[in-house]
């Protein structure tokens, strides 16, 4: 191998290592997106916790889903995905107190995790699932579902761009421990 070929090979290895580490360090723009997403979730969570009745109570969840699938003529949202309504009836509405409690904790943890940039990849995956559920619940009704498309896109961007590696605790964890198993937590 010539000296030039050796040098190119070393440069290729260095460039690949740098590209991988740059890919996994995030950016300030994505960090701002992540923090904003977390703040939106926490503000909505707080509004739901302080609502009367508490949105996450059995009564609050039942009322929300009744409204979501009630026709527009009857004063509801008029959501049209009956398969989603059937799934919610068979799961959430069978134990709304439990699901309300779980939702309270989950939303709070997602919001805090995103604001602090800790467990960002995990919490951004949860937020993708959460916002997709809301998108499907509101689909076909009066609620503008574009909001949920934007929130899903922000969550996907945060996940794919290592959103917690800049201005987040994940940077410190990754520096000390390397990547999480499967690269799915930080």
N, C-alpha and C. Protein backbone atom coordinates (compact mmCIF):
# COMPACT_ATOMS: atom_id res chain seq x y z
N UNK A 1 0.85 -1.17 0.00
CA UNK A 1 0.00 0.00 0.00
C UNK A 1 0.90 1.23 0.00
N UNK A 2 0.55 2.18 -0.82
CA UNK A 2 1.35 3.40 -0.90
C UNK A 2 1.06 4.30 0.29
N UNK A 3 1.93 5.25 0.50
CA UNK A 3 1.77 6.20 1.59
C UNK A 3 0.47 6.98 1.42
N UNK A 4 0.12 7.35 0.20
CA UNK A 4 -1.11 8.08 -0.07
C UNK A 4 -2.33 7.23 0.29
N UNK A 5 -2.31 5.94 -0.10
CA UNK A 5 -3.43 5.06 0.22
C UNK A 5 -3.57 4.86 1.74
N UNK A 6 -2.43 4.73 2.44
CA UNK A 6 -2.46 4.61 3.90
C UNK A 6 -3.09 5.85 4.52
N UNK A 7 -2.65 7.01 4.04
CA UNK A 7 -3.14 8.28 4.57
C UNK A 7 -4.64 8.43 4.31
N UNK A 8 -5.09 8.07 3.12
CA UNK A 8 -6.52 8.14 2.80
C UNK A 8 -7.32 7.21 3.71
N UNK A 9 -6.82 6.03 3.96
CA UNK A 9 -7.50 5.08 4.83
C UNK A 9 -7.61 5.64 6.25
N UNK A 10 -6.54 6.20 6.78
CA UNK A 10 -6.57 6.81 8.12
C UNK A 10 -7.56 7.97 8.16
N UNK A 11 -7.53 8.80 7.12
CA UNK A 11 -8.46 9.94 7.06
C UNK A 11 -9.90 9.46 6.98
N UNK A 12 -10.15 8.38 6.22
CA UNK A 12 -11.50 7.83 6.12
C UNK A 12 -11.99 7.33 7.47
N UNK A 13 -11.13 6.64 8.22
CA UNK A 13 -11.49 6.15 9.54
C UNK A 13 -11.79 7.31 10.48
N UNK A 14 -10.93 8.33 10.47
CA UNK A 14 -11.14 9.51 11.32
C UNK A 14 -12.43 10.22 10.94
N UNK A 15 -12.68 10.38 9.64
CA UNK A 15 -13.90 11.05 9.18
C UNK A 15 -15.14 10.27 9.60
N UNK A 16 -15.09 8.96 9.51
CA UNK A 16 -16.22 8.13 9.92
C UNK A 16 -16.47 8.26 11.41
N UNK A 17 -15.41 8.22 12.22
CA UNK A 17 -15.57 8.39 13.67
C UNK A 17 -16.15 9.75 14.00
N UNK A 18 -15.65 10.80 13.34
CA UNK A 18 -16.15 12.16 13.59
C UNK A 18 -17.60 12.29 13.16
N UNK A 19 -17.96 11.68 12.04
CA UNK A 19 -19.35 11.77 11.56
C UNK A 19 -20.27 11.07 12.55
N UNK A 20 -19.86 9.91 13.05
CA UNK A 20 -20.68 9.19 14.02
C UNK A 20 -20.83 9.99 15.30
N UNK A 21 -19.73 10.54 15.80
CA UNK A 21 -19.85 11.30 17.05
C UNK A 21 -20.63 12.59 16.83
N UNK A 22 -20.48 13.23 15.67
CA UNK A 22 -21.26 14.45 15.39
C UNK A 22 -22.74 14.12 15.28
N UNK A 23 -23.05 12.97 14.67
CA UNK A 23 -24.44 12.55 14.52
C UNK A 23 -25.08 12.32 15.89
N UNK A 24 -24.31 11.86 16.84
CA UNK A 24 -24.85 11.51 18.15
C UNK A 24 -24.66 12.61 19.20
N UNK A 25 -24.35 13.83 18.78
CA UNK A 25 -24.18 14.91 19.75
C UNK A 25 -25.33 15.90 19.74
N UNK A 26 -26.22 15.81 18.79
CA UNK A 26 -27.35 16.73 18.76
C UNK A 26 -26.94 18.11 18.30
N UNK A 27 -27.85 19.05 18.41
CA UNK A 27 -27.58 20.43 18.01
C UNK A 27 -28.38 21.37 18.90
N UNK A 28 -28.00 22.62 18.89
CA UNK A 28 -28.71 23.62 19.69
C UNK A 28 -30.15 23.76 19.19
N UNK A 29 -30.33 23.72 17.87
CA UNK A 29 -31.69 23.83 17.31
C UNK A 29 -32.61 22.72 17.78
N UNK A 30 -32.11 21.50 17.77
CA UNK A 30 -32.92 20.37 18.23
C UNK A 30 -33.12 20.45 19.74
N UNK A 31 -32.13 20.94 20.47
CA UNK A 31 -32.29 21.10 21.91
C UNK A 31 -33.41 22.11 22.20
N UNK A 32 -33.46 23.18 21.45
CA UNK A 32 -34.54 24.17 21.63
C UNK A 32 -35.89 23.54 21.30
N UNK A 33 -35.94 22.76 20.23
CA UNK A 33 -37.17 22.04 19.87
C UNK A 33 -37.58 21.09 20.99
N UNK A 34 -36.62 20.33 21.54
CA UNK A 34 -36.88 19.38 22.62
C UNK A 34 -37.42 20.09 23.86
N UNK A 35 -36.79 21.17 24.24
CA UNK A 35 -37.21 21.92 25.44
C UNK A 35 -38.61 22.50 25.23
N UNK A 36 -38.86 23.05 24.05
CA UNK A 36 -40.18 23.61 23.74
C UNK A 36 -41.24 22.53 23.81
N UNK A 37 -40.95 21.37 23.24
CA UNK A 37 -41.88 20.25 23.28
C UNK A 37 -42.18 19.85 24.73
N UNK A 38 -41.14 19.77 25.56
CA UNK A 38 -41.33 19.43 26.96
C UNK A 38 -42.17 20.47 27.70
N UNK A 39 -41.93 21.75 27.42
CA UNK A 39 -42.71 22.82 28.06
C UNK A 39 -44.18 22.73 27.64
N UNK A 40 -44.43 22.47 26.36
CA UNK A 40 -45.82 22.33 25.88
C UNK A 40 -46.51 21.19 26.63
N UNK A 41 -45.82 20.06 26.77
CA UNK A 41 -46.40 18.92 27.46
C UNK A 41 -46.67 19.25 28.92
N UNK A 42 -45.72 19.90 29.59
CA UNK A 42 -45.91 20.25 31.00
C UNK A 42 -47.03 21.28 31.21
N UNK A 43 -47.12 22.25 30.33
CA UNK A 43 -48.20 23.24 30.45
C UNK A 43 -49.57 22.59 30.25
N UNK A 44 -49.66 21.70 29.28
CA UNK A 44 -50.92 20.99 29.05
C UNK A 44 -51.23 20.08 30.23
N UNK A 45 -50.20 19.39 30.74
CA UNK A 45 -50.38 18.53 31.90
C UNK A 45 -50.92 19.34 33.08
N UNK A 46 -50.31 20.50 33.34
CA UNK A 46 -50.74 21.33 34.47
C UNK A 46 -52.19 21.79 34.29
N UNK A 47 -52.53 22.19 33.08
CA UNK A 47 -53.90 22.61 32.78
C UNK A 47 -54.88 21.46 33.03
N UNK A 48 -54.50 20.26 32.65
CA UNK A 48 -55.37 19.09 32.85
C UNK A 48 -55.48 18.70 34.32
N UNK A 49 -54.38 18.83 35.08
CA UNK A 49 -54.39 18.48 36.50
C UNK A 49 -55.26 19.45 37.28
N UNK A 50 -55.24 20.71 36.91
CA UNK A 50 -55.99 21.73 37.66
C UNK A 50 -57.40 21.96 37.12
N UNK A 51 -57.79 21.23 36.07
CA UNK A 51 -59.14 21.37 35.52
C UNK A 51 -60.17 20.82 36.51
N UNK A 52 -61.40 21.27 36.37
CA UNK A 52 -62.47 20.76 37.21
C UNK A 52 -63.53 20.12 36.33
N UNK A 53 -63.69 18.83 36.27
CA UNK A 53 -62.95 17.87 37.07
C UNK A 53 -61.54 17.66 36.50
N UNK A 54 -60.66 17.13 37.33
CA UNK A 54 -59.31 16.79 36.91
C UNK A 54 -59.43 15.90 35.67
N UNK A 55 -58.79 16.32 34.59
CA UNK A 55 -58.87 15.59 33.33
C UNK A 55 -58.48 14.12 33.50
N UNK A 56 -57.52 13.85 34.37
CA UNK A 56 -56.99 12.50 34.53
C UNK A 56 -57.81 11.63 35.48
N UNK A 57 -58.88 12.17 36.02
CA UNK A 57 -59.76 11.36 36.88
C UNK A 57 -60.60 10.45 35.99
N UNK A 58 -61.23 9.46 36.61
CA UNK A 58 -62.10 8.56 35.85
C UNK A 58 -63.19 9.37 35.14
N UNK A 59 -63.78 10.31 35.87
CA UNK A 59 -64.84 11.15 35.31
C UNK A 59 -64.30 12.02 34.16
N UNK A 60 -63.12 12.57 34.34
CA UNK A 60 -62.52 13.42 33.30
C UNK A 60 -62.21 12.66 32.03
N UNK A 61 -61.62 11.47 32.15
CA UNK A 61 -61.31 10.66 30.96
C UNK A 61 -62.57 10.21 30.24
N UNK A 62 -63.55 9.76 31.01
CA UNK A 62 -64.83 9.34 30.41
C UNK A 62 -65.46 10.50 29.64
N UNK A 63 -65.46 11.67 30.27
CA UNK A 63 -66.04 12.84 29.61
C UNK A 63 -65.30 13.21 28.33
N UNK A 64 -63.98 13.14 28.37
CA UNK A 64 -63.19 13.47 27.18
C UNK A 64 -63.50 12.51 26.04
N UNK A 65 -63.47 11.20 26.31
CA UNK A 65 -63.70 10.24 25.24
C UNK A 65 -65.14 10.25 24.75
N UNK A 66 -66.10 10.51 25.66
CA UNK A 66 -67.50 10.67 25.22
C UNK A 66 -67.59 11.83 24.24
N UNK A 67 -66.97 12.95 24.59
CA UNK A 67 -66.99 14.13 23.71
C UNK A 67 -66.27 13.85 22.39
N UNK A 68 -65.10 13.20 22.46
CA UNK A 68 -64.29 12.98 21.26
C UNK A 68 -65.06 12.19 20.20
N UNK A 69 -65.85 11.21 20.61
CA UNK A 69 -66.52 10.35 19.65
C UNK A 69 -68.00 10.67 19.46
N UNK A 70 -68.50 11.65 20.20
CA UNK A 70 -69.87 12.11 20.01
C UNK A 70 -69.94 12.90 18.71
N UNK A 71 -71.03 12.79 17.97
CA UNK A 71 -71.14 13.49 16.69
C UNK A 71 -71.11 15.00 16.89
N UNK A 72 -70.72 15.69 15.85
CA UNK A 72 -70.66 17.15 15.89
C UNK A 72 -72.05 17.74 16.13
N UNK A 73 -73.07 17.12 15.55
CA UNK A 73 -74.44 17.60 15.72
C UNK A 73 -74.89 17.54 17.18
N UNK A 74 -74.31 16.60 17.92
CA UNK A 74 -74.66 16.44 19.33
C UNK A 74 -73.71 17.18 20.25
N UNK A 75 -72.82 18.01 19.67
CA UNK A 75 -71.91 18.82 20.46
C UNK A 75 -70.57 18.20 20.75
N UNK A 76 -70.25 17.12 20.07
CA UNK A 76 -68.97 16.45 20.28
C UNK A 76 -67.96 16.80 19.20
N UNK A 77 -66.83 16.12 19.21
CA UNK A 77 -65.79 16.32 18.22
C UNK A 77 -66.12 15.61 16.91
N UNK A 78 -66.80 14.48 16.99
CA UNK A 78 -67.18 13.74 15.79
C UNK A 78 -66.06 12.92 15.19
N UNK A 79 -65.17 12.41 16.02
CA UNK A 79 -64.07 11.57 15.52
C UNK A 79 -64.64 10.39 14.76
N UNK A 80 -63.94 10.01 13.70
CA UNK A 80 -64.52 9.02 12.79
C UNK A 80 -63.87 7.65 12.82
N UNK A 81 -62.81 7.45 13.57
CA UNK A 81 -62.14 6.16 13.58
C UNK A 81 -62.80 5.25 14.63
N UNK A 82 -63.77 4.48 14.20
CA UNK A 82 -64.51 3.62 15.13
C UNK A 82 -63.61 2.54 15.72
N UNK A 83 -62.57 2.13 15.00
CA UNK A 83 -61.66 1.13 15.56
C UNK A 83 -60.94 1.71 16.78
N UNK A 84 -60.58 2.97 16.74
CA UNK A 84 -59.93 3.62 17.89
C UNK A 84 -60.92 3.71 19.05
N UNK A 85 -62.15 4.09 18.74
CA UNK A 85 -63.19 4.15 19.77
C UNK A 85 -63.39 2.78 20.43
N UNK A 86 -63.39 1.72 19.63
CA UNK A 86 -63.56 0.37 20.16
C UNK A 86 -62.40 -0.02 21.07
N UNK A 87 -61.18 0.32 20.67
CA UNK A 87 -59.99 0.01 21.48
C UNK A 87 -60.05 0.76 22.81
N UNK A 88 -60.41 2.04 22.75
CA UNK A 88 -60.52 2.85 23.98
C UNK A 88 -61.62 2.30 24.89
N UNK A 89 -62.76 1.95 24.30
CA UNK A 89 -63.85 1.36 25.10
C UNK A 89 -63.42 0.07 25.78
N UNK A 90 -62.64 -0.75 25.06
CA UNK A 90 -62.24 -2.06 25.58
C UNK A 90 -61.06 -1.99 26.55
N UNK A 91 -60.35 -0.87 26.58
CA UNK A 91 -59.17 -0.77 27.46
C UNK A 91 -59.33 0.37 28.45
N UNK A 92 -59.13 1.57 28.01
CA UNK A 92 -59.10 2.74 28.90
C UNK A 92 -60.39 2.89 29.70
N UNK A 93 -61.52 2.76 29.04
CA UNK A 93 -62.78 3.00 29.73
C UNK A 93 -63.22 1.83 30.61
N UNK A 94 -62.46 0.74 30.58
CA UNK A 94 -62.72 -0.37 31.50
C UNK A 94 -62.12 -0.09 32.88
N UNK A 95 -61.08 0.75 32.92
CA UNK A 95 -60.43 1.12 34.18
C UNK A 95 -59.93 2.56 34.06
N UNK A 96 -60.85 3.53 33.91
CA UNK A 96 -60.42 4.91 33.66
C UNK A 96 -59.63 5.53 34.80
N UNK A 97 -59.88 5.13 36.03
CA UNK A 97 -59.11 5.65 37.16
C UNK A 97 -57.65 5.26 37.06
N UNK A 98 -57.40 3.98 36.74
CA UNK A 98 -56.03 3.50 36.58
C UNK A 98 -55.35 4.19 35.41
N UNK A 99 -56.02 4.22 34.26
CA UNK A 99 -55.41 4.82 33.08
C UNK A 99 -55.20 6.32 33.27
N UNK A 100 -56.10 6.98 33.98
CA UNK A 100 -55.92 8.40 34.27
C UNK A 100 -54.70 8.65 35.13
N UNK A 101 -54.52 7.81 36.16
CA UNK A 101 -53.34 7.93 37.02
C UNK A 101 -52.07 7.69 36.21
N UNK A 102 -52.07 6.63 35.40
CA UNK A 102 -50.90 6.31 34.58
C UNK A 102 -50.60 7.44 33.59
N UNK A 103 -51.64 8.01 33.02
CA UNK A 103 -51.47 9.12 32.07
C UNK A 103 -50.89 10.35 32.77
N UNK A 104 -51.34 10.62 33.98
CA UNK A 104 -50.82 11.75 34.75
C UNK A 104 -49.31 11.62 34.94
N UNK A 105 -48.88 10.46 35.38
CA UNK A 105 -47.46 10.21 35.64
C UNK A 105 -46.67 10.24 34.33
N UNK A 106 -47.18 9.56 33.30
CA UNK A 106 -46.47 9.48 32.03
C UNK A 106 -46.25 10.87 31.40
N UNK A 107 -47.30 11.66 31.33
CA UNK A 107 -47.17 12.99 30.72
C UNK A 107 -46.18 13.85 31.49
N UNK A 108 -46.26 13.81 32.82
CA UNK A 108 -45.33 14.59 33.63
C UNK A 108 -43.89 14.17 33.38
N UNK A 109 -43.64 12.86 33.39
CA UNK A 109 -42.27 12.36 33.17
C UNK A 109 -41.76 12.68 31.77
N UNK A 110 -42.60 12.57 30.77
CA UNK A 110 -42.19 12.92 29.40
C UNK A 110 -41.79 14.39 29.36
N UNK A 111 -42.62 15.25 29.92
CA UNK A 111 -42.33 16.69 29.90
C UNK A 111 -41.03 17.02 30.62
N UNK A 112 -40.85 16.49 31.81
CA UNK A 112 -39.63 16.75 32.59
C UNK A 112 -38.41 16.18 31.86
N UNK A 113 -38.53 14.95 31.37
CA UNK A 113 -37.42 14.33 30.66
C UNK A 113 -36.97 15.14 29.45
N UNK A 114 -37.94 15.67 28.71
CA UNK A 114 -37.60 16.47 27.53
C UNK A 114 -37.02 17.83 27.91
N UNK A 115 -37.58 18.47 28.90
CA UNK A 115 -37.04 19.77 29.32
C UNK A 115 -35.60 19.63 29.81
N UNK A 116 -35.33 18.61 30.62
CA UNK A 116 -33.99 18.43 31.18
C UNK A 116 -33.04 17.71 30.24
N UNK A 117 -33.58 17.08 29.21
CA UNK A 117 -32.73 16.34 28.29
C UNK A 117 -32.16 15.09 28.93
N UNK A 118 -32.98 14.40 29.72
CA UNK A 118 -32.55 13.16 30.37
C UNK A 118 -33.45 12.02 29.89
N UNK A 119 -32.83 10.95 29.40
CA UNK A 119 -33.61 9.86 28.81
C UNK A 119 -34.35 10.33 27.58
N UNK A 120 -33.76 11.26 26.87
CA UNK A 120 -34.45 11.96 25.78
C UNK A 120 -34.93 11.02 24.69
N UNK A 121 -34.12 10.07 24.29
CA UNK A 121 -34.56 9.18 23.22
C UNK A 121 -35.76 8.34 23.67
N UNK A 122 -35.74 7.87 24.89
CA UNK A 122 -36.86 7.10 25.44
C UNK A 122 -38.12 7.96 25.53
N UNK A 123 -37.98 9.16 26.12
CA UNK A 123 -39.16 10.01 26.30
C UNK A 123 -39.67 10.57 24.98
N UNK A 124 -38.79 10.76 24.00
CA UNK A 124 -39.28 11.20 22.69
C UNK A 124 -40.05 10.07 22.01
N UNK A 125 -39.65 8.82 22.21
CA UNK A 125 -40.43 7.69 21.68
C UNK A 125 -41.81 7.63 22.33
N UNK A 126 -41.85 7.83 23.66
CA UNK A 126 -43.14 7.86 24.34
C UNK A 126 -44.01 9.01 23.83
N UNK A 127 -43.39 10.16 23.56
CA UNK A 127 -44.18 11.29 23.07
C UNK A 127 -44.70 11.03 21.65
N UNK A 128 -43.93 10.29 20.84
CA UNK A 128 -44.43 9.90 19.52
C UNK A 128 -45.69 9.06 19.67
N UNK A 129 -45.65 8.07 20.56
CA UNK A 129 -46.81 7.21 20.80
C UNK A 129 -47.99 8.02 21.36
N UNK A 130 -47.71 8.91 22.29
CA UNK A 130 -48.75 9.74 22.91
C UNK A 130 -49.44 10.62 21.88
N UNK A 131 -48.65 11.35 21.09
CA UNK A 131 -49.25 12.26 20.11
C UNK A 131 -49.92 11.51 18.97
N UNK A 132 -49.42 10.32 18.63
CA UNK A 132 -50.08 9.51 17.61
C UNK A 132 -51.45 9.05 18.12
N UNK A 133 -51.52 8.69 19.40
CA UNK A 133 -52.80 8.33 20.00
C UNK A 133 -53.79 9.49 19.95
N UNK A 134 -53.33 10.69 20.25
CA UNK A 134 -54.21 11.86 20.18
C UNK A 134 -54.64 12.13 18.73
N UNK A 135 -53.71 12.02 17.81
CA UNK A 135 -54.03 12.20 16.38
C UNK A 135 -55.14 11.25 15.97
N UNK A 136 -55.01 9.98 16.33
CA UNK A 136 -56.01 8.99 15.95
C UNK A 136 -57.34 9.22 16.66
N UNK A 137 -57.28 9.69 17.91
CA UNK A 137 -58.51 9.97 18.66
C UNK A 137 -59.29 11.13 18.03
N UNK A 138 -58.59 12.16 17.60
CA UNK A 138 -59.25 13.33 17.03
C UNK A 138 -59.55 13.20 15.53
N UNK A 139 -58.99 12.19 14.87
CA UNK A 139 -59.08 12.07 13.41
C UNK A 139 -60.53 12.10 12.93
N UNK A 140 -60.76 12.93 11.93
CA UNK A 140 -62.08 13.00 11.30
C UNK A 140 -63.07 13.89 12.01
N UNK A 141 -62.64 14.52 13.10
CA UNK A 141 -63.56 15.37 13.86
C UNK A 141 -63.28 16.84 13.64
N UNK A 142 -63.83 17.65 14.52
CA UNK A 142 -63.69 19.10 14.45
C UNK A 142 -62.30 19.60 14.83
N UNK A 143 -61.64 18.89 15.75
CA UNK A 143 -60.31 19.29 16.21
C UNK A 143 -59.34 19.28 15.02
N UNK A 144 -58.52 20.33 14.92
CA UNK A 144 -57.52 20.40 13.85
C UNK A 144 -56.38 19.45 14.20
N UNK A 145 -56.22 18.38 13.44
CA UNK A 145 -55.22 17.36 13.76
C UNK A 145 -53.82 17.74 13.31
N UNK A 146 -53.69 18.82 12.57
CA UNK A 146 -52.37 19.29 12.15
C UNK A 146 -51.45 19.55 13.33
N UNK A 147 -52.02 19.98 14.44
CA UNK A 147 -51.24 20.21 15.66
C UNK A 147 -50.50 18.93 16.06
N UNK A 148 -51.19 17.81 15.98
CA UNK A 148 -50.58 16.55 16.40
C UNK A 148 -49.54 16.06 15.39
N UNK A 149 -49.74 16.37 14.13
CA UNK A 149 -48.73 16.03 13.12
C UNK A 149 -47.44 16.81 13.42
N UNK A 150 -47.57 18.08 13.76
CA UNK A 150 -46.40 18.90 14.11
C UNK A 150 -45.72 18.37 15.36
N UNK A 151 -46.50 17.99 16.37
CA UNK A 151 -45.93 17.47 17.62
C UNK A 151 -45.26 16.11 17.39
N UNK A 152 -45.84 15.27 16.54
CA UNK A 152 -45.22 13.99 16.20
C UNK A 152 -43.89 14.24 15.47
N UNK A 153 -43.90 15.18 14.52
CA UNK A 153 -42.67 15.50 13.78
C UNK A 153 -41.59 16.03 14.71
N UNK A 154 -41.96 16.88 15.67
CA UNK A 154 -40.98 17.40 16.63
C UNK A 154 -40.42 16.28 17.49
N UNK A 155 -41.26 15.33 17.88
CA UNK A 155 -40.81 14.19 18.69
C UNK A 155 -39.88 13.28 17.89
N UNK A 156 -40.22 13.02 16.63
CA UNK A 156 -39.38 12.20 15.77
C UNK A 156 -38.03 12.87 15.56
N UNK A 157 -38.05 14.18 15.31
CA UNK A 157 -36.80 14.93 15.12
C UNK A 157 -35.93 14.86 16.37
N UNK A 158 -36.54 15.02 17.53
CA UNK A 158 -35.81 14.94 18.79
C UNK A 158 -35.17 13.57 18.95
N UNK A 159 -35.92 12.53 18.63
CA UNK A 159 -35.37 11.17 18.74
C UNK A 159 -34.21 10.96 17.77
N UNK A 160 -34.43 11.26 16.51
CA UNK A 160 -33.43 10.98 15.48
C UNK A 160 -32.19 11.86 15.59
N UNK A 161 -32.34 13.02 16.18
CA UNK A 161 -31.23 13.99 16.24
C UNK A 161 -30.54 14.02 17.59
N UNK A 162 -30.77 13.02 18.42
CA UNK A 162 -30.08 12.95 19.71
C UNK A 162 -30.30 14.24 20.51
N UNK A 163 -31.57 14.64 20.62
CA UNK A 163 -31.93 15.92 21.20
C UNK A 163 -31.44 16.21 22.60
N UNK A 164 -31.09 15.21 23.39
CA UNK A 164 -30.63 15.46 24.76
C UNK A 164 -29.13 15.60 24.88
N UNK A 165 -28.41 15.46 23.77
CA UNK A 165 -26.95 15.51 23.83
C UNK A 165 -26.42 16.94 23.80
N UNK A 166 -27.28 17.89 23.55
CA UNK A 166 -26.90 19.30 23.63
C UNK A 166 -27.85 19.95 24.63
N UNK A 167 -27.31 20.70 25.56
CA UNK A 167 -28.09 21.37 26.60
C UNK A 167 -28.96 20.39 27.39
N UNK A 168 -28.44 19.19 27.62
CA UNK A 168 -29.20 18.20 28.35
C UNK A 168 -28.32 17.30 29.19
N UNK A 169 -28.95 16.65 30.15
CA UNK A 169 -28.26 15.73 31.05
C UNK A 169 -27.71 14.52 30.28
N UNK A 170 -28.37 14.15 29.19
CA UNK A 170 -27.91 13.00 28.40
C UNK A 170 -26.46 13.15 27.95
N UNK A 171 -26.03 14.36 27.70
CA UNK A 171 -24.64 14.60 27.28
C UNK A 171 -23.67 14.12 28.37
N UNK A 172 -23.97 14.44 29.61
CA UNK A 172 -23.12 14.05 30.74
C UNK A 172 -23.16 12.52 30.91
N UNK A 173 -24.34 11.94 30.82
CA UNK A 173 -24.49 10.49 30.96
C UNK A 173 -23.73 9.78 29.84
N UNK A 174 -23.89 10.24 28.60
CA UNK A 174 -23.22 9.60 27.46
C UNK A 174 -21.70 9.72 27.58
N UNK A 175 -21.22 10.87 28.07
CA UNK A 175 -19.77 11.04 28.24
C UNK A 175 -19.22 10.09 29.30
N UNK A 176 -20.00 9.85 30.34
CA UNK A 176 -19.54 9.00 31.43
C UNK A 176 -19.76 7.51 31.14
N UNK A 177 -20.86 7.18 30.46
CA UNK A 177 -21.23 5.77 30.32
C UNK A 177 -21.30 5.28 28.88
N UNK A 178 -21.15 6.18 27.91
CA UNK A 178 -21.33 5.77 26.51
C UNK A 178 -22.82 5.73 26.17
N UNK A 179 -23.14 5.11 25.07
CA UNK A 179 -24.54 5.00 24.65
C UNK A 179 -25.30 4.03 25.53
N UNK A 180 -26.59 4.26 25.66
CA UNK A 180 -27.45 3.36 26.40
C UNK A 180 -27.66 2.09 25.58
N UNK A 181 -28.11 1.01 26.21
CA UNK A 181 -28.36 -0.22 25.46
C UNK A 181 -29.33 0.03 24.31
N UNK A 182 -28.92 -0.36 23.13
CA UNK A 182 -29.75 -0.15 21.95
C UNK A 182 -29.88 1.30 21.54
N UNK A 183 -29.17 2.18 22.21
CA UNK A 183 -29.23 3.63 21.95
C UNK A 183 -30.67 4.15 22.04
N UNK A 184 -31.46 3.56 22.93
CA UNK A 184 -32.88 3.95 23.01
C UNK A 184 -33.24 4.78 24.22
N UNK A 185 -32.30 5.05 25.12
CA UNK A 185 -32.66 5.82 26.31
C UNK A 185 -32.01 7.19 26.27
N UNK A 186 -30.69 7.26 26.06
CA UNK A 186 -30.01 8.55 25.95
C UNK A 186 -29.11 8.56 24.75
